[in-house]
Amino acid sequence: MITLVPTLPEPSVRSVDDLLGRVRAGAYGPDPAGQRVALAFTTVQAVRHEGRSVGYRNEVLSLRLDAAVGSCAVEPGALSPAALDDCASSTVADLLDHPLLPVRIAALDAYLMHVRPHTPENGARPYPIPGGGTLQRSRARARAVADLLPETGLERVLVVGVVNSLLERLRERGTAYAPCDLKGGATEWGEPVLTDTLAELERCDAILASGMTLGNGTFQPLLDHAAATGKPLVMFAQTGSAVLPHFLGAGVSAVSAEPYPFFWLDGGPGLVHRYGGTR
């Protein structure tokens, strides 16, 4: 029997627009019109782990609000310098209405990180990631994420946002998967990466999805499907790590939240914060 872990006390929200509206109205804390972003920056990364044949690049927009940092991944090279200029010294309220979705998500993440940080009082369970090389830390993070799925009863998991260490962990568990990513390509094991996520939803009995779906507008169909069917939806979140816990009980079953600085930026020990899932 699956037992859900208690999570945030606020009523669950049903869409990103719903959450944005509640934040604009001050439902979670101080008026965002009085909160000003001091710093906007991007982090660009290219990696190919030793022993792996496939590499990848990441670019992330981050906004600093007091001690909190909110983040949203973007396609490498897609964010103009003018967008950073727009963000620096703007109010959170202004950025929640910015024309670029990644800016809105990063601002929402920064605000919620500021008012609802990843603490046990807010439902988070810290999970240590040991120091070490990039592949060692990637595999440790993959265990933290994949093990939020139910231990039994899964025949095929839809993985949205391909991370080879996550696929490796599912293979170790003996769990079949459908790898999906808008970029296409192939996995480390030569499996074709599917690009039509919606076509695979009915063929899978659980979903493991990246927070990047918030920034590219593909999160809502996953949430709606999970809410309608009761399928586990586990989110692994560098993008929107403080946003996604608010969808627990509304379709999201668990979140592995990883705020900035991310595991790939440092070789020392760190933490991810897990919400929900099964015990």
Foldseek 3Di string as FASTA:
>chain_A
DFDKADAAPDDFDQDPVRLLVCQCVQVQHDHLQPWWWAFKDKDKDWDDDPPFPDIDIWIKIWTATPPFIFIATDDPPPDDPVVRVVRHGHGLSVQCVDPAQRSNQRSSLRVLCVRQNQDVVRFWDKDKQAFDDPVSSLLSVLCVQLVLADLDDWAEEEEEDDDQSVVVVCVVSVHHYQAEYCVWDAHSVRHTHHHPSVVCLVVTQAYEYELNCSNVVNVNVQLVSQQVPVREYEYEYQHSLSNVSSNPVSRHQKYFRAYPPGPNVDRHMDITIMHIGGD
